[in-house]
Amino acid sequence: PAVPSEAAAALSRCVSVEPAKFAAAHWGRTPLLSRAD
């Protein structure tokens, strides 16, 4: 499966940064707190 819009939307519900930044700065490295707002 590629990354359709539904998948991108699911990730955006969990992290407050763009996917590329999440992958580079946080994935497997450091925690990320994302507030509801």
PDB file of all heavy atoms in Angstrom:
ATOM      1  N   PRO A   1       0.816  -1.202   0.000  1.00  0.00           N
ATOM      2  CA  PRO A   1       0.000   0.000   0.000  1.00  0.00           C
ATOM      3  C   PRO A   1       0.851   1.253   0.000  1.00  0.00           C
ATOM      4  O   PRO A   1       1.842   1.359   0.720  1.00  0.00           O
ATOM      5  CB  PRO A   1      -0.798  -0.130   1.310  1.00  0.00           C
ATOM      6  CG  PRO A   1      -0.818  -1.593   1.601  1.00  0.00           C
ATOM      7  CD  PRO A   1       0.481  -2.110   1.091  1.00  0.00           C
ATOM      8  N   ALA A   2       0.497   2.214  -0.864  1.00  0.00           N
ATOM      9  CA  ALA A   2       1.138   3.515  -0.812  1.00  0.00           C
ATOM     10  C   ALA A   2       0.566   4.283   0.372  1.00  0.00           C
ATOM     11  O   ALA A   2      -0.072   3.707   1.234  1.00  0.00           O
ATOM     12  CB  ALA A   2       0.908   4.242  -2.130  1.00  0.00           C
ATOM     13  N   VAL A   3       0.805   5.580   0.439  1.00  0.00           N
ATOM     14  CA  VAL A   3       0.286   6.367   1.554  1.00  0.00           C
ATOM     15  C   VAL A   3      -0.837   7.248   1.041  1.00  0.00           C
ATOM     16  O   VAL A   3      -0.600   8.385   0.617  1.00  0.00           O
ATOM     17  CB  VAL A   3       1.402   7.218   2.203  1.00  0.00           C
ATOM     18  CG1 VAL A   3       0.860   7.977   3.405  1.00  0.00           C
ATOM     19  CG2 VAL A   3       2.547   6.318   2.625  1.00  0.00           C
ATOM     20  N   PRO A   4      -2.063   6.723   1.013  1.00  0.00           N
ATOM     21  CA  PRO A   4      -3.189   7.516   0.532  1.00  0.00           C
ATOM     22  C   PRO A   4      -3.569   8.579   1.547  1.00  0.00           C
ATOM     23  O   PRO A   4      -3.020   8.650   2.645  1.00  0.00           O
ATOM     24  CB  PRO A   4      -4.306   6.474   0.378  1.00  0.00           C
ATOM     25  CG  PRO A   4      -3.949   5.412   1.364  1.00  0.00           C
ATOM     26  CD  PRO A   4      -2.461   5.383   1.423  1.00  0.00           C
ATOM     27  N   SER A   5      -4.521   9.392   1.187  1.00  0.00           N
ATOM     28  CA  SER A   5      -4.909  10.508   2.053  1.00  0.00           C
ATOM     29  C   SER A   5      -5.416  10.026   3.407  1.00  0.00           C
ATOM     30  O   SER A   5      -5.187  10.676   4.429  1.00  0.00           O
ATOM     31  CB  SER A   5      -5.975  11.357   1.358  1.00  0.00           C
ATOM     32  OG  SER A   5      -7.114  10.560   1.031  1.00  0.00           O
ATOM     33  N   GLU A   6      -6.118   8.879   3.434  1.00  0.00           N
ATOM     34  CA  GLU A   6      -6.628   8.365   4.704  1.00  0.00           C
ATOM     35  C   GLU A   6      -5.492   8.030   5.657  1.00  0.00           C
ATOM     36  O   GLU A   6      -5.576   8.276   6.866  1.00  0.00           O
ATOM     37  CB  GLU A   6      -7.492   7.123   4.477  1.00  0.00           C
ATOM     38  CG  GLU A   6      -8.758   7.360   3.674  1.00  0.00           C
ATOM     39  CD  GLU A   6      -8.511   7.284   2.183  1.00  0.00           C
ATOM     40  OE1 GLU A   6      -7.335   7.142   1.760  1.00  0.00           O
ATOM     41  OE2 GLU A   6      -9.495   7.356   1.413  1.00  0.00           O
ATOM     42  N   ALA A   7      -4.409   7.459   5.123  1.00  0.00           N
ATOM     43  CA  ALA A   7      -3.269   7.109   5.958  1.00  0.00           C
ATOM     44  C   ALA A   7      -2.561   8.364   6.461  1.00  0.00           C
ATOM     45  O   ALA A   7      -2.180   8.448   7.635  1.00  0.00           O
ATOM     46  CB  ALA A   7      -2.296   6.225   5.176  1.00  0.00           C
ATOM     47  N   ALA A   8      -2.382   9.333   5.588  1.00  0.00           N
ATOM     48  CA  ALA A   8      -1.754  10.588   6.002  1.00  0.00           C
ATOM     49  C   ALA A   8      -2.583  11.278   7.079  1.00  0.00           C
ATOM     50  O   ALA A   8      -2.047  11.840   8.039  1.00  0.00           O
ATOM     51  CB  ALA A   8      -1.574  11.507   4.802  1.00  0.00           C
ATOM     52  N   ALA A   9      -3.918  11.205   6.941  1.00  0.00           N
ATOM     53  CA  ALA A   9      -4.794  11.822   7.935  1.00  0.00           C
ATOM     54  C   ALA A   9      -4.682  11.110   9.274  1.00  0.00           C
ATOM     55  O   ALA A   9      -4.729  11.747  10.338  1.00  0.00           O
ATOM     56  CB  ALA A   9      -6.242  11.797   7.433  1.00  0.00           C
ATOM     57  N   ALA A  10      -4.523   9.784   9.253  1.00  0.00           N
ATOM     58  CA  ALA A  10      -4.376   9.033  10.500  1.00  0.00           C
ATOM     59  C   ALA A  10      -3.108   9.446  11.229  1.00  0.00           C
ATOM     60  O   ALA A  10      -3.110   9.629  12.460  1.00  0.00           O
ATOM     61  CB  ALA A  10      -4.369   7.537  10.211  1.00  0.00           C
ATOM     62  N   LEU A  11      -2.008   9.612  10.496  1.00  0.00           N
ATOM     63  CA  LEU A  11      -0.762  10.033  11.135  1.00  0.00           C
ATOM     64  C   LEU A  11      -0.883  11.453  11.676  1.00  0.00           C
ATOM     65  O   LEU A  11      -0.388  11.764  12.764  1.00  0.00           O
ATOM     66  CB  LEU A  11       0.399   9.936  10.143  1.00  0.00           C
ATOM     67  CG  LEU A  11       1.775  10.354  10.683  1.00  0.00           C
ATOM     68  CD1 LEU A  11       2.185   9.484  11.866  1.00  0.00           C
ATOM     69  CD2 LEU A  11       2.823  10.291   9.575  1.00  0.00           C
ATOM     70  N   SER A  12      -1.554  12.327  10.917  1.00  0.00           N
ATOM     71  CA  SER A  12      -1.686  13.719  11.355  1.00  0.00           C
ATOM     72  C   SER A  12      -2.495  13.846  12.633  1.00  0.00           C
ATOM     73  O   SER A  12      -2.389  14.852  13.345  1.00  0.00           O
ATOM     74  CB  SER A  12      -2.313  14.573  10.250  1.00  0.00           C
ATOM     75  OG  SER A  12      -3.702  14.302  10.106  1.00  0.00           O
ATOM     76  N   ARG A  13      -3.317  12.856  12.948  1.00  0.00           N
ATOM     77  CA  ARG A  13      -4.065  12.865  14.203  1.00  0.00           C
ATOM     78  C   ARG A  13      -3.149  12.585  15.396  1.00  0.00           C
ATOM     79  O   ARG A  13      -3.528  12.868  16.539  1.00  0.00           O
ATOM     80  CB  ARG A  13      -5.194  11.834  14.178  1.00  0.00           C
ATOM     81  CG  ARG A  13      -6.271  12.095  13.168  1.00  0.00           C
ATOM     82  CD  ARG A  13      -7.477  11.199  13.395  1.00  0.00           C
ATOM     83  NE  ARG A  13      -8.138  11.491  14.663  1.00  0.00           N
ATOM     84  CZ  ARG A  13      -9.266  10.914  15.076  1.00  0.00           C
ATOM     85  NH1 ARG A  13      -9.839   9.977  14.326  1.00  0.00           N
ATOM     86  NH2 ARG A  13      -9.806  11.225  16.225  1.00  0.00           N
ATOM     87  N   CYS A  14      -1.971  12.008  15.143  1.00  0.00           N
ATOM     88  CA  CYS A  14      -1.087  11.560  16.219  1.00  0.00           C
ATOM     89  C   CYS A  14       0.114  12.467  16.445  1.00  0.00           C
ATOM     90  O   CYS A  14       0.714  12.431  17.523  1.00  0.00           O
ATOM     91  CB  CYS A  14      -0.575  10.148  15.922  1.00  0.00           C
ATOM     92  SG  CYS A  14      -1.864   8.918  15.667  1.00  0.00           S
ATOM     93  N   VAL A  15       0.503  13.247  15.448  1.00  0.00           N
ATOM     94  CA  VAL A  15       1.694  14.090  15.568  1.00  0.00           C
ATOM     95  C   VAL A  15       1.386  15.479  15.034  1.00  0.00           C
ATOM     96  O   VAL A  15       0.648  15.635  14.061  1.00  0.00           O
ATOM     97  CB  VAL A  15       2.898  13.483  14.815  1.00  0.00           C
ATOM     98  CG1 VAL A  15       3.281  12.142  15.405  1.00  0.00           C
ATOM     99  CG2 VAL A  15       2.637  13.360  13.329  1.00  0.00           C
ATOM    100  N   SER A  16       1.988  16.485  15.667  1.00  0.00           N
ATOM    101  CA  SER A  16       1.688  17.881  15.324  1.00  0.00           C
ATOM    102  C   SER A  16       2.687  18.475  14.354  1.00  0.00           C
ATOM    103  O   SER A  16       2.657  19.681  14.098  1.00  0.00           O
ATOM    104  CB  SER A  16       1.663  18.729  16.602  1.00  0.00           C
ATOM    105  OG  SER A  16       2.892  18.612  17.308  1.00  0.00           O
ATOM    106  N   VAL A  17       3.586  17.639  13.806  1.00  0.00           N
ATOM    107  CA  VAL A  17       4.569  18.123  12.836  1.00  0.00           C
ATOM    108  C   VAL A  17       4.353  17.407  11.516  1.00  0.00           C
ATOM    109  O   VAL A  17       3.659  16.386  11.450  1.00  0.00           O
ATOM    110  CB  VAL A  17       6.008  17.906  13.339  1.00  0.00           C
ATOM    111  CG1 VAL A  17       6.254  18.703  14.617  1.00  0.00           C
ATOM    112  CG2 VAL A  17       6.309  16.433  13.553  1.00  0.00           C
ATOM    113  N   GLU A  18       4.944  17.951  10.460  1.00  0.00           N
ATOM    114  CA  GLU A  18       4.829  17.320   9.151  1.00  0.00           C
ATOM    115  C   GLU A  18       5.496  15.933   9.173  1.00  0.00           C
ATOM    116  O   GLU A  18       6.462  15.707   9.910  1.00  0.00           O
ATOM    117  CB  GLU A  18       5.501  18.189   8.093  1.00  0.00           C
ATOM    118  CG  GLU A  18       4.780  19.497   7.810  1.00  0.00           C
ATOM    119  CD  GLU A  18       3.379  19.256   7.263  1.00  0.00           C
ATOM    120  OE1 GLU A  18       3.230  18.364   6.407  1.00  0.00           O
ATOM    121  OE2 GLU A  18       2.458  19.954   7.698  1.00  0.00           O
ATOM    122  N   PRO A  19       4.971  14.995   8.364  1.00  0.00           N
ATOM    123  CA  PRO A  19       5.534  13.632   8.370  1.00  0.00           C
ATOM    124  C   PRO A  19       7.038  13.592   8.155  1.00  0.00           C
ATOM    125  O   PRO A  19       7.743  12.820   8.810  1.00  0.00           O
ATOM    126  CB  PRO A  19       4.778  12.955   7.218  1.00  0.00           C
ATOM    127  CG  PRO A  19       3.476  13.668   7.150  1.00  0.00           C
ATOM    128  CD  PRO A  19       3.784  15.091   7.502  1.00  0.00           C
ATOM    129  N   ALA A  20       7.566  14.428   7.246  1.00  0.00           N
ATOM    130  CA  ALA A  20       9.007  14.412   6.987  1.00  0.00           C
ATOM    131  C   ALA A  20       9.789  14.840   8.222  1.00  0.00           C
ATOM    132  O   ALA A  20      10.837  14.251   8.545  1.00  0.00           O
ATOM    133  CB  ALA A  20       9.334  15.325   5.808  1.00  0.00           C
ATOM    134  N   LYS A  21       9.296  15.840   8.942  1.00  0.00           N
ATOM    135  CA  LYS A  21       9.978  16.281  10.157  1.00  0.00           C
ATOM    136  C   LYS A  21       9.857  15.224  11.246  1.00  0.00           C
ATOM    137  O   LYS A  21      10.818  14.978  11.992  1.00  0.00           O
ATOM    138  CB  LYS A  21       9.400  17.610  10.633  1.00  0.00           C
ATOM    139  CG  LYS A  21      10.115  18.154  11.865  1.00  0.00           C
ATOM    140  CD  LYS A  21       9.589  19.522  12.271  1.00  0.00           C
ATOM    141  CE  LYS A  21      10.332  20.042  13.504  1.00  0.00           C
ATOM    142  NZ  LYS A  21       9.840  21.371  13.930  1.00  0.00           N
ATOM    143  N   PHE A  22       8.702  14.607  11.355  1.00  0.00           N
ATOM    144  CA  PHE A  22       8.530  13.544  12.342  1.00  0.00           C
ATOM    145  C   PHE A  22       9.512  12.408  12.074  1.00  0.00           C
ATOM    146  O   PHE A  22      10.172  11.906  12.992  1.00  0.00           O
ATOM    147  CB  PHE A  22       7.094  13.023  12.313  1.00  0.00           C
ATOM    148  CG  PHE A  22       6.866  11.817  13.175  1.00  0.00           C
ATOM    149  CD1 PHE A  22       6.904  11.920  14.558  1.00  0.00           C
ATOM    150  CD2 PHE A  22       6.639  10.571  12.606  1.00  0.00           C
ATOM    151  CE1 PHE A  22       6.706  10.802  15.367  1.00  0.00           C
ATOM    152  CE2 PHE A  22       6.440   9.451  13.390  1.00  0.00           C
ATOM    153  CZ  PHE A  22       6.478   9.568  14.770  1.00  0.00           C
ATOM    154  N   ALA A  23       9.627  12.007  10.809  1.00  0.00           N
ATOM    155  CA  ALA A  23      10.521  10.914  10.449  1.00  0.00           C
ATOM    156  C   ALA A  23      11.974  11.263  10.736  1.00  0.00           C
ATOM    157  O   ALA A  23      12.746  10.420  11.222  1.00  0.00           O
ATOM    158  CB  ALA A  23      10.345  10.565   8.972  1.00  0.00           C
ATOM    159  N   ALA A  24      12.372  12.496  10.462  1.00  0.00           N
ATOM    160  CA  ALA A  24      13.771  12.882  10.605  1.00  0.00           C
ATOM    161  C   ALA A  24      14.160  13.186  12.044  1.00  0.00           C
ATOM    162  O   ALA A  24      15.265  12.845  12.480  1.00  0.00           O
ATOM    163  CB  ALA A  24      14.063  14.097   9.726  1.00  0.00           C
ATOM    164  N   ALA A  25      13.258  13.809  12.799  1.00  0.00           N
ATOM    165  CA  ALA A  25      13.640  14.317  14.116  1.00  0.00           C
ATOM    166  C   ALA A  25      13.156  13.456  15.281  1.00  0.00           C
ATOM    167  O   ALA A  25      13.748  13.521  16.370  1.00  0.00           O
ATOM    168  CB  ALA A  25      13.100  15.743  14.286  1.00  0.00           C
ATOM    169  N   HIS A  26      12.106  12.663  15.079  1.00  0.00           N
ATOM    170  CA  HIS A  26      11.496  11.967  16.220  1.00  0.00           C
ATOM    171  C   HIS A  26      11.432  10.445  16.063  1.00  0.00           C
ATOM    172  O   HIS A  26      11.631   9.719  17.040  1.00  0.00           O
ATOM    173  CB  HIS A  26      10.092  12.513  16.477  1.00  0.00           C
ATOM    174  CG  HIS A  26      10.074  13.958  16.843  1.00  0.00           C
ATOM    175  ND1 HIS A  26      10.414  14.418  18.100  1.00  0.00           N
ATOM    176  CD2 HIS A  26       9.786  15.056  16.110  1.00  0.00           C
ATOM    177  CE1 HIS A  26      10.331  15.733  18.127  1.00  0.00           C
ATOM    178  NE2 HIS A  26       9.936  16.151  16.931  1.00  0.00           N
ATOM    179  N   TRP A  27      11.142   9.957  14.864  1.00  0.00           N
ATOM    180  CA  TRP A  27      10.919   8.518  14.660  1.00  0.00           C
ATOM    181  C   TRP A  27      12.121   7.709  15.158  1.00  0.00           C
ATOM    182  O   TRP A  27      13.221   7.826  14.650  1.00  0.00           O
ATOM    183  CB  TRP A  27      10.656   8.250  13.184  1.00  0.00           C
ATOM    184  CG  TRP A  27      10.466   6.811  12.808  1.00  0.00           C
ATOM    185  CD1 TRP A  27      11.324   6.032  12.100  1.00  0.00           C
ATOM    186  CD2 TRP A  27       9.328   5.989  13.090  1.00  0.00           C
ATOM    187  NE1 TRP A  27      10.810   4.780  11.903  1.00  0.00           N
ATOM    188  CE2 TRP A  27       9.576   4.724  12.518  1.00  0.00           C
ATOM    189  CE3 TRP A  27       8.135   6.195  13.770  1.00  0.00           C
ATOM    190  CZ2 TRP A  27       8.680   3.670  12.608  1.00  0.00           C
ATOM    191  CZ3 TRP A  27       7.236   5.146  13.860  1.00  0.00           C
ATOM    192  CH2 TRP A  27       7.509   3.910  13.284  1.00  0.00           C
ATOM    193  N   GLY A  28      11.894   6.900  16.205  1.00  0.00           N
ATOM    194  CA  GLY A  28      12.954   6.075  16.765  1.00  0.00           C
ATOM    195  C   GLY A  28      14.007   6.847  17.524  1.00  0.00           C
ATOM    196  O   GLY A  28      15.017   6.260  17.938  1.00  0.00           O
ATOM    197  N   ARG A  29      13.798   8.170  17.758  1.00  0.00           N
ATOM    198  CA  ARG A  29      14.836   8.994  18.383  1.00  0.00           C
ATOM    199  C   ARG A  29      14.371   9.655  19.675  1.00  0.00           C
ATOM    200  O   ARG A  29      14.914   9.397  20.745  1.00  0.00           O
ATOM    201  CB  ARG A  29      15.311  10.080  17.404  1.00  0.00           C
ATOM    202  CG  ARG A  29      16.114   9.565  16.215  1.00  0.00           C
ATOM    203  CD  ARG A  29      16.591  10.737  15.356  1.00  0.00           C
ATOM    204  NE  ARG A  29      17.493  10.302  14.295  1.00  0.00           N
ATOM    205  CZ  ARG A  29      17.092   9.856  13.113  1.00  0.00           C
ATOM    206  NH1 ARG A  29      15.797   9.814  12.827  1.00  0.00           N
ATOM    207  NH2 ARG A  29      17.976   9.466  12.212  1.00  0.00           N
ATOM    208  N   THR A  30      13.390  10.559  19.565  1.00  0.00           N
ATOM    209  CA  THR A  30      12.998  11.367  20.722  1.00  0.00           C
ATOM    210  C   THR A  30      11.483  11.447  20.831  1.00  0.00           C
ATOM    211  O   THR A  30      10.764  11.359  19.828  1.00  0.00           O
ATOM    212  CB  THR A  30      13.564  12.799  20.615  1.00  0.00           C
ATOM    213  OG1 THR A  30      13.040  13.418  19.424  1.00  0.00           O
ATOM    214  CG2 THR A  30      15.079  12.786  20.554  1.00  0.00           C
ATOM    215  N   PRO A  31      10.969  11.651  22.055  1.00  0.00           N
ATOM    216  CA  PRO A  31       9.524  11.811  22.231  1.00  0.00           C
ATOM    217  C   PRO A  31       9.001  13.066  21.539  1.00  0.00           C
ATOM    218  O   PRO A  31       9.753  14.004  21.266  1.00  0.00           O
ATOM    219  CB  PRO A  31       9.358  11.917  23.758  1.00  0.00           C
ATOM    220  CG  PRO A  31      10.602  11.310  24.329  1.00  0.00           C
ATOM    221  CD  PRO A  31      11.690  11.627  23.345  1.00  0.00           C
ATOM    222  N   LEU A  32       7.708  13.054  21.278  1.00  0.00           N
ATOM    223  CA  LEU A  32       7.032  14.225  20.710  1.00  0.00           C
ATOM    224  C   LEU A  32       5.690  14.397  21.403  1.00  0.00           C
ATOM    225  O   LEU A  32       4.846  13.493  21.363  1.00  0.00           O
ATOM    226  CB  LEU A  32       6.825  14.054  19.204  1.00  0.00           C
ATOM    227  CG  LEU A  32       5.985  15.150  18.526  1.00  0.00           C
ATOM    228  CD1 LEU A  32       6.685  16.508  18.621  1.00  0.00           C
ATOM    229  CD2 LEU A  32       5.689  14.789  17.076  1.00  0.00           C
ATOM    230  N   LEU A  33       5.495  15.534  22.033  1.00  0.00           N
ATOM    231  CA  LEU A  33       4.218  15.885  22.643  1.00  0.00           C
ATOM    232  C   LEU A  33       3.431  16.739  21.669  1.00  0.00           C
ATOM    233  O   LEU A  33       3.940  17.745  21.166  1.00  0.00           O
ATOM    234  CB  LEU A  33       4.448  16.650  23.950  1.00  0.00           C
ATOM    235  CG  LEU A  33       3.208  17.266  24.606  1.00  0.00           C
ATOM    236  CD1 LEU A  33       2.237  16.178  25.061  1.00  0.00           C
ATOM    237  CD2 LEU A  33       3.615  18.160  25.772  1.00  0.00           C
ATOM    238  N   SER A  34       2.179  16.356  21.414  1.00  0.00           N
ATOM    239  CA  SER A  34       1.309  17.122  20.512  1.00  0.00           C
ATOM    240  C   SER A  34       0.027  17.459  21.268  1.00  0.00           C
ATOM    241  O   SER A  34      -0.713  16.554  21.679  1.00  0.00           O
ATOM    242  CB  SER A  34       0.981  16.304  19.256  1.00  0.00           C
ATOM    243  OG  SER A  34       2.146  15.944  18.555  1.00  0.00           O
ATOM    244  N   ARG A  35      -0.194  18.739  21.470  1.00  0.00           N
ATOM    245  CA  ARG A  35      -1.393  19.165  22.182  1.00  0.00           C
ATOM    246  C   ARG A  35      -2.610  19.149  21.254  1.00  0.00           C
ATOM    247  O   ARG A  35      -2.484  19.247  20.032  1.00  0.00           O
ATOM    248  CB  ARG A  35      -1.193  20.571  22.750  1.00  0.00           C
ATOM    249  CG  ARG A  35      -0.174  20.645  23.873  1.00  0.00           C
ATOM    250  CD  ARG A  35      -0.600  19.816  25.072  1.00  0.00           C
ATOM    251  NE  ARG A  35       0.242  20.064  26.243  1.00  0.00           N
ATOM    252  CZ  ARG A  35       0.106  19.423  27.387  1.00  0.00           C
ATOM    253  NH1 ARG A  35      -0.835  18.490  27.514  1.00  0.00           N
ATOM    254  NH2 ARG A  35       0.892  19.690  28.410  1.00  0.00           N
ATOM    255  N   ALA A  36      -3.789  19.047  21.873  1.00  0.00           N
ATOM    256  CA  ALA A  36      -5.027  18.932  21.104  1.00  0.00           C
ATOM    257  C   ALA A  36      -5.204  20.095  20.128  1.00  0.00           C
ATOM    258  O   ALA A  36      -5.663  19.898  19.001  1.00  0.00           O
ATOM    259  CB  ALA A  36      -6.221  18.842  22.052  1.00  0.00           C
ATOM    260  N   ASP A  37      -4.822  21.302  20.562  1.00  0.00           N
ATOM    261  CA  ASP A  37      -5.032  22.460  19.679  1.00  0.00           C
ATOM    262  C   ASP A  37      -4.009  22.517  18.544  1.00  0.00           C
ATOM    263  O   ASP A  37      -4.105  23.375  17.665  1.00  0.00           O
ATOM    264  CB  ASP A  37      -5.032  23.769  20.471  1.00  0.00           C
ATOM    265  CG  ASP A  37      -3.742  24.017  21.231  1.00  0.00           C
ATOM    266  OD1 ASP A  37      -2.790  23.212  21.072  1.00  0.00           O
ATOM    267  OD2 ASP A  37      -3.684  25.006  21.985  1.00  0.00           O
TER     268      ASP A  37
END
